Amino acid sequence: MGNRLSKIYTRTGDDGSTGLGDGSRVPKDARRVSAYGTVDELNSVIGMVLACAAVPDPVIEVLTRVQHELFDLGGELCVPGMALIEEADVERLERTLDGFNAALPPLKDFILPGGGMAAACCHLARTVCRRAERELVTLARAENVRPQALRYLNRLSDLLFVLCRVLARASGHGEVLWHAERRRRD
């Protein structure tokens, strides 16, 4: 790869613009920049999950691969017209989700964020993933966004929800359930 980042600051963004991967410049608050920035944020939050103690090896393996794919997705969004996320990536997320979900009991209540540090961080990742998906939908109204990218984030948020359940159980804390009847009693 060589020395690609010999200098971290360039001063070219001091005017409120940033460069896309194709060399064009756009405002730092452009929809595209917001979308790939949120994908980057999601990747960072997944890093927080992985930094937690006692994350099971199968979860580490899955989330590490997801981090690489999110980096690819960010690249795809940074270079208009680039295609890095494929339908096979979406299908693999579905198989992975089904595999983890098969070992869990059916849901009877909503789950509150919590269940130990790793599960709580995974809930944060899930919500950032949903925001990234919303930002991609907004971008898709104005510019071309490949449907594989949208499907990828949609499946990933579902996978993260299932992994929240897995991590809560693995930590020994268990899932934090919301009980509607409690609200009616108060």
C-alpha atoms as a PDB file:
ATOM      1  CA  MET A   1       0.000   0.000   0.000  1.00  0.00           C
ATOM      2  CA  GLY A   2       2.886   2.383   0.630  1.00  0.00           C
ATOM      3  CA  ASN A   3       2.784   5.750   2.366  1.00  0.00           C
ATOM      4  CA  ARG A   4      -0.673   7.056   1.620  1.00  0.00           C
ATOM      5  CA  LEU A   5      -1.091   9.327   4.623  1.00  0.00           C
ATOM      6  CA  SER A   6       2.201  11.092   5.078  1.00  0.00           C
ATOM      7  CA  LYS A   7       0.458  14.200   6.404  1.00  0.00           C
ATOM      8  CA  ILE A   8      -2.791  14.043   8.361  1.00  0.00           C
ATOM      9  CA  TYR A   9      -3.964  17.615   7.944  1.00  0.00           C
ATOM     10  CA  THR A  10      -4.258  19.217   4.537  1.00  0.00           C
ATOM     11  CA  ARG A  11      -6.122  22.449   5.293  1.00  0.00           C
ATOM     12  CA  THR A  12      -8.244  21.855   2.186  1.00  0.00           C
ATOM     13  CA  GLY A  13     -11.332  21.391   4.349  1.00  0.00           C
ATOM     14  CA  ASP A  14     -10.955  24.654   6.210  1.00  0.00           C
ATOM     15  CA  ASP A  15     -13.562  26.187   3.918  1.00  0.00           C
ATOM     16  CA  GLY A  16     -16.212  23.656   4.988  1.00  0.00           C
ATOM     17  CA  SER A  17     -15.730  21.328   2.043  1.00  0.00           C
ATOM     18  CA  THR A  18     -14.309  17.825   1.756  1.00  0.00           C
ATOM     19  CA  GLY A  19     -13.014  15.689  -1.071  1.00  0.00           C
ATOM     20  CA  LEU A  20     -14.833  12.591  -2.274  1.00  0.00           C
ATOM     21  CA  GLY A  21     -12.897   9.600  -3.500  1.00  0.00           C
ATOM     22  CA  ASP A  22     -13.459  10.630  -7.120  1.00  0.00           C
ATOM     23  CA  GLY A  23     -11.682  13.959  -6.507  1.00  0.00           C
ATOM     24  CA  SER A  24     -14.803  16.140  -6.455  1.00  0.00           C
ATOM     25  CA  ARG A  25     -15.380  18.496  -3.549  1.00  0.00           C
ATOM     26  CA  VAL A  26     -18.646  18.781  -1.643  1.00  0.00           C
ATOM     27  CA  PRO A  27     -19.810  20.551   1.522  1.00  0.00           C
ATOM     28  CA  LYS A  28     -18.951  18.647   4.702  1.00  0.00           C
ATOM     29  CA  ASP A  29     -22.653  18.469   5.529  1.00  0.00           C
ATOM     30  CA  ALA A  30     -23.622  16.956   2.152  1.00  0.00           C
ATOM     31  CA  ARG A  31     -25.975  13.976   2.337  1.00  0.00           C
ATOM     32  CA  ARG A  32     -23.316  11.627   0.960  1.00  0.00           C
ATOM     33  CA  VAL A  33     -20.742  12.752   3.528  1.00  0.00           C
ATOM     34  CA  SER A  34     -23.287  12.410   6.309  1.00  0.00           C
ATOM     35  CA  ALA A  35     -24.138   8.878   5.166  1.00  0.00           C
ATOM     36  CA  TYR A  36     -20.575   7.597   5.015  1.00  0.00           C
ATOM     37  CA  GLY A  37     -19.726   9.475   8.202  1.00  0.00           C
ATOM     38  CA  THR A  38     -22.491   7.606  10.012  1.00  0.00           C
ATOM     39  CA  VAL A  39     -21.248   4.309   8.561  1.00  0.00           C
ATOM     40  CA  ASP A  40     -17.829   5.212  10.000  1.00  0.00           C
ATOM     41  CA  GLU A  41     -19.461   6.000  13.351  1.00  0.00           C
ATOM     42  CA  LEU A  42     -21.192   2.620  13.257  1.00  0.00           C
ATOM     43  CA  ASN A  43     -17.862   0.926  12.609  1.00  0.00           C
ATOM     44  CA  SER A  44     -16.414   2.709  15.652  1.00  0.00           C
ATOM     45  CA  VAL A  45     -19.279   1.609  17.885  1.00  0.00           C
ATOM     46  CA  ILE A  46     -18.822  -1.980  16.716  1.00  0.00           C
ATOM     47  CA  GLY A  47     -15.183  -1.527  17.763  1.00  0.00           C
ATOM     48  CA  MET A  48     -16.495  -0.663  21.239  1.00  0.00           C
ATOM     49  CA  VAL A  49     -18.452  -3.931  21.306  1.00  0.00           C
ATOM     50  CA  LEU A  50     -15.321  -5.836  20.342  1.00  0.00           C
ATOM     51  CA  ALA A  51     -13.325  -4.059  23.065  1.00  0.00           C
ATOM     52  CA  CYS A  52     -15.676  -5.368  25.767  1.00  0.00           C
ATOM     53  CA  ALA A  53     -14.639  -8.284  27.930  1.00  0.00           C
ATOM     54  CA  ALA A  54     -15.951 -11.799  27.323  1.00  0.00           C
ATOM     55  CA  VAL A  55     -17.398 -11.343  23.837  1.00  0.00           C
ATOM     56  CA  PRO A  56     -17.802 -14.892  22.483  1.00  0.00           C
ATOM     57  CA  ASP A  57     -15.428 -15.862  19.675  1.00  0.00           C
ATOM     58  CA  PRO A  58     -18.199 -16.416  17.083  1.00  0.00           C
ATOM     59  CA  VAL A  59     -19.452 -12.865  17.711  1.00  0.00           C
ATOM     60  CA  ILE A  60     -15.910 -11.474  17.446  1.00  0.00           C
ATOM     61  CA  GLU A  61     -15.466 -13.258  14.124  1.00  0.00           C
ATOM     62  CA  VAL A  62     -18.736 -11.934  12.705  1.00  0.00           C
ATOM     63  CA  LEU A  63     -18.276  -8.363  13.894  1.00  0.00           C
ATOM     64  CA  THR A  64     -14.678  -8.195  12.701  1.00  0.00           C
ATOM     65  CA  ARG A  65     -15.811  -9.171   9.213  1.00  0.00           C
ATOM     66  CA  VAL A  66     -18.631  -6.629   9.436  1.00  0.00           C
ATOM     67  CA  GLN A  67     -16.098  -3.914  10.293  1.00  0.00           C
ATOM     68  CA  HIS A  68     -14.204  -4.656   7.075  1.00  0.00           C
ATOM     69  CA  GLU A  69     -17.446  -4.606   5.090  1.00  0.00           C
ATOM     70  CA  LEU A  70     -18.488  -1.310   6.659  1.00  0.00           C
ATOM     71  CA  PHE A  71     -15.156   0.135   5.594  1.00  0.00           C
ATOM     72  CA  ASP A  72     -15.965  -1.102   2.076  1.00  0.00           C
ATOM     73  CA  LEU A  73     -19.430   0.451   2.295  1.00  0.00           C
ATOM     74  CA  GLY A  74     -17.906   3.757   3.364  1.00  0.00           C
ATOM     75  CA  GLY A  75     -15.611   3.556   0.351  1.00  0.00           C
ATOM     76  CA  GLU A  76     -18.544   2.806  -1.918  1.00  0.00           C
ATOM     77  CA  LEU A  77     -20.361   5.866  -0.602  1.00  0.00           C
ATOM     78  CA  CYS A  78     -17.256   8.053  -0.811  1.00  0.00           C
ATOM     79  CA  VAL A  79     -16.704   7.227  -4.485  1.00  0.00           C
ATOM     80  CA  PRO A  80     -19.978   7.730  -6.366  1.00  0.00           C
ATOM     81  CA  GLY A  81     -20.552   4.832  -8.752  1.00  0.00           C
ATOM     82  CA  MET A  82     -18.245   2.397  -6.944  1.00  0.00           C
ATOM     83  CA  ALA A  83     -19.656  -1.052  -6.074  1.00  0.00           C
ATOM     84  CA  LEU A  84     -18.115  -2.901  -3.133  1.00  0.00           C
ATOM     85  CA  ILE A  85     -21.064  -4.378  -1.201  1.00  0.00           C
ATOM     86  CA  GLU A  86     -22.587  -7.292  -3.075  1.00  0.00           C
ATOM     87  CA  GLU A  87     -25.762  -9.335  -2.724  1.00  0.00           C
ATOM     88  CA  ALA A  88     -23.613 -12.199  -1.371  1.00  0.00           C
ATOM     89  CA  ASP A  89     -22.706  -9.964   1.610  1.00  0.00           C
ATOM     90  CA  VAL A  90     -26.403  -9.426   2.360  1.00  0.00           C
ATOM     91  CA  GLU A  91     -27.135 -13.151   2.031  1.00  0.00           C
ATOM     92  CA  ARG A  92     -24.270 -14.023   4.371  1.00  0.00           C
ATOM     93  CA  LEU A  93     -25.662 -11.601   6.979  1.00  0.00           C
ATOM     94  CA  GLU A  94     -29.032 -13.346   6.682  1.00  0.00           C
ATOM     95  CA  ARG A  95     -27.490 -16.804   7.189  1.00  0.00           C
ATOM     96  CA  THR A  96     -25.456 -15.535  10.137  1.00  0.00           C
ATOM     97  CA  LEU A  97     -28.521 -13.895  11.682  1.00  0.00           C
ATOM     98  CA  ASP A  98     -30.558 -17.087  11.247  1.00  0.00           C
ATOM     99  CA  GLY A  99     -27.787 -19.128  12.859  1.00  0.00           C
ATOM    100  CA  PHE A 100     -27.551 -16.955  15.975  1.00  0.00           C
ATOM    101  CA  ASN A 101     -31.319 -16.499  16.224  1.00  0.00           C
ATOM    102  CA  ALA A 102     -32.017 -20.252  16.087  1.00  0.00           C
ATOM    103  CA  ALA A 103     -30.495 -20.688  19.553  1.00  0.00           C
ATOM    104  CA  LEU A 104     -32.589 -17.921  21.148  1.00  0.00           C
ATOM    105  CA  PRO A 105     -36.056 -18.268  22.651  1.00  0.00           C
ATOM    106  CA  PRO A 106     -38.904 -16.460  20.863  1.00  0.00           C
ATOM    107  CA  LEU A 107     -39.506 -12.865  21.920  1.00  0.00           C
ATOM    108  CA  LYS A 108     -42.587 -12.141  23.996  1.00  0.00           C
ATOM    109  CA  ASP A 109     -41.664  -8.597  25.066  1.00  0.00           C
ATOM    110  CA  PHE A 110     -39.687  -5.666  23.727  1.00  0.00           C
ATOM    111  CA  ILE A 111     -36.100  -5.522  24.902  1.00  0.00           C
ATOM    112  CA  LEU A 112     -34.630  -2.442  26.544  1.00  0.00           C
ATOM    113  CA  PRO A 113     -31.006  -1.525  25.810  1.00  0.00           C
ATOM    114  CA  GLY A 114     -28.789  -3.091  28.447  1.00  0.00           C
ATOM    115  CA  GLY A 115     -27.863  -6.579  29.514  1.00  0.00           C
ATOM    116  CA  GLY A 116     -24.198  -5.945  30.250  1.00  0.00           C
ATOM    117  CA  MET A 117     -21.624  -3.668  28.668  1.00  0.00           C
ATOM    118  CA  ALA A 118     -21.147  -5.610  25.415  1.00  0.00           C
ATOM    119  CA  ALA A 119     -24.908  -5.925  24.864  1.00  0.00           C
ATOM    120  CA  ALA A 120     -25.447  -2.230  25.674  1.00  0.00           C
ATOM    121  CA  CYS A 121     -22.720  -1.231  23.188  1.00  0.00           C
ATOM    122  CA  CYS A 122     -24.292  -3.543  20.622  1.00  0.00           C
ATOM    123  CA  HIS A 123     -27.650  -1.811  21.169  1.00  0.00           C
ATOM    124  CA  LEU A 124     -25.891   1.489  20.490  1.00  0.00           C
ATOM    125  CA  ALA A 125     -24.416  -0.012  17.306  1.00  0.00           C
ATOM    126  CA  ARG A 126     -27.903  -1.168  16.277  1.00  0.00           C
ATOM    127  CA  THR A 127     -29.352   2.325  16.649  1.00  0.00           C
ATOM    128  CA  VAL A 128     -26.449   3.958  14.789  1.00  0.00           C
ATOM    129  CA  CYS A 129     -26.942   1.353  12.044  1.00  0.00           C
ATOM    130  CA  ARG A 130     -30.605   2.333  11.746  1.00  0.00           C
ATOM    131  CA  ARG A 131     -29.582   6.001  11.504  1.00  0.00           C
ATOM    132  CA  ALA A 132     -27.052   5.146   8.781  1.00  0.00           C
ATOM    133  CA  GLU A 133     -29.817   3.313   6.932  1.00  0.00           C
ATOM    134  CA  ARG A 134     -32.130   6.341   7.218  1.00  0.00           C
ATOM    135  CA  GLU A 135     -29.373   8.629   5.926  1.00  0.00           C
ATOM    136  CA  LEU A 136     -28.789   6.280   2.998  1.00  0.00           C
ATOM    137  CA  VAL A 137     -32.512   6.353   2.176  1.00  0.00           C
ATOM    138  CA  THR A 138     -32.387  10.157   2.235  1.00  0.00           C
ATOM    139  CA  LEU A 139     -29.323  10.123  -0.028  1.00  0.00           C
ATOM    140  CA  ALA A 140     -31.036   7.680  -2.400  1.00  0.00           C
ATOM    141  CA  ARG A 141     -33.843  10.199  -2.961  1.00  0.00           C
ATOM    142  CA  ALA A 142     -31.325  12.662  -4.402  1.00  0.00           C
ATOM    143  CA  GLU A 143     -28.493  10.516  -5.803  1.00  0.00           C
ATOM    144  CA  ASN A 144     -27.851   7.010  -7.013  1.00  0.00           C
ATOM    145  CA  VAL A 145     -27.420   4.498  -4.165  1.00  0.00           C
ATOM    146  CA  ARG A 146     -27.077   0.822  -4.937  1.00  0.00           C
ATOM    147  CA  PRO A 147     -29.860  -1.303  -3.406  1.00  0.00           C
ATOM    148  CA  GLN A 148     -27.283  -3.743  -2.017  1.00  0.00           C
ATOM    149  CA  ALA A 149     -25.978  -1.006   0.286  1.00  0.00           C
ATOM    150  CA  LEU A 150     -29.467  -0.337   1.652  1.00  0.00           C
ATOM    151  CA  ARG A 151     -30.213  -4.034   2.096  1.00  0.00           C
ATOM    152  CA  TYR A 152     -26.859  -4.561   3.802  1.00  0.00           C
ATOM    153  CA  LEU A 153     -27.580  -1.951   6.492  1.00  0.00           C
ATOM    154  CA  ASN A 154     -31.124  -3.229   6.957  1.00  0.00           C
ATOM    155  CA  ARG A 155     -29.925  -6.807   7.554  1.00  0.00           C
ATOM    156  CA  LEU A 156     -27.027  -5.622   9.684  1.00  0.00           C
ATOM    157  CA  SER A 157     -29.343  -3.796  12.083  1.00  0.00           C
ATOM    158  CA  ASP A 158     -31.373  -7.002  12.434  1.00  0.00           C
ATOM    159  CA  LEU A 159     -28.193  -9.009  13.045  1.00  0.00           C
ATOM    160  CA  LEU A 160     -27.048  -6.497  15.656  1.00  0.00           C
ATOM    161  CA  PHE A 161     -30.381  -6.858  17.455  1.00  0.00           C
ATOM    162  CA  VAL A 162     -29.948 -10.631  17.600  1.00  0.00           C
ATOM    163  CA  LEU A 163     -26.342 -10.201  18.754  1.00  0.00           C
ATOM    164  CA  CYS A 164     -27.585  -7.899  21.553  1.00  0.00           C
ATOM    165  CA  ARG A 165     -29.648 -10.830  22.789  1.00  0.00           C
ATOM    166  CA  VAL A 166     -26.734 -13.239  22.423  1.00  0.00           C
ATOM    167  CA  LEU A 167     -24.365 -10.914  24.293  1.00  0.00           C
ATOM    168  CA  ALA A 168     -26.844 -10.224  27.108  1.00  0.00           C
ATOM    169  CA  ARG A 169     -27.231 -13.945  27.699  1.00  0.00           C
ATOM    170  CA  ALA A 170     -23.496 -14.649  27.379  1.00  0.00           C
ATOM    171  CA  SER A 171     -22.700 -11.989  29.987  1.00  0.00           C
ATOM    172  CA  GLY A 172     -25.005 -13.558  32.545  1.00  0.00           C
ATOM    173  CA  HIS A 173     -26.974 -10.316  32.864  1.00  0.00           C
ATOM    174  CA  GLY A 174     -29.770 -11.499  30.618  1.00  0.00           C
ATOM    175  CA  GLU A 175     -32.074  -9.389  28.510  1.00  0.00           C
ATOM    176  CA  VAL A 176     -33.799  -6.366  30.006  1.00  0.00           C
ATOM    177  CA  LEU A 177     -37.458  -6.761  29.088  1.00  0.00           C
ATOM    178  CA  TRP A 178     -39.988  -3.962  28.760  1.00  0.00           C
ATOM    179  CA  HIS A 179     -43.313  -4.731  30.363  1.00  0.00           C
ATOM    180  CA  ALA A 180     -46.291  -2.726  29.110  1.00  0.00           C
ATOM    181  CA  GLU A 181     -48.475  -3.767  32.037  1.00  0.00           C
ATOM    182  CA  ARG A 182     -46.092  -2.028  34.462  1.00  0.00           C
ATOM    183  CA  ARG A 183     -46.880   1.323  32.848  1.00  0.00           C
ATOM    184  CA  ARG A 184     -50.611   0.729  33.244  1.00  0.00           C
ATOM    185  CA  ARG A 185     -50.200   0.077  36.986  1.00  0.00           C
ATOM    186  CA  ASP A 186     -48.376   3.338  37.734  1.00  0.00           C
END
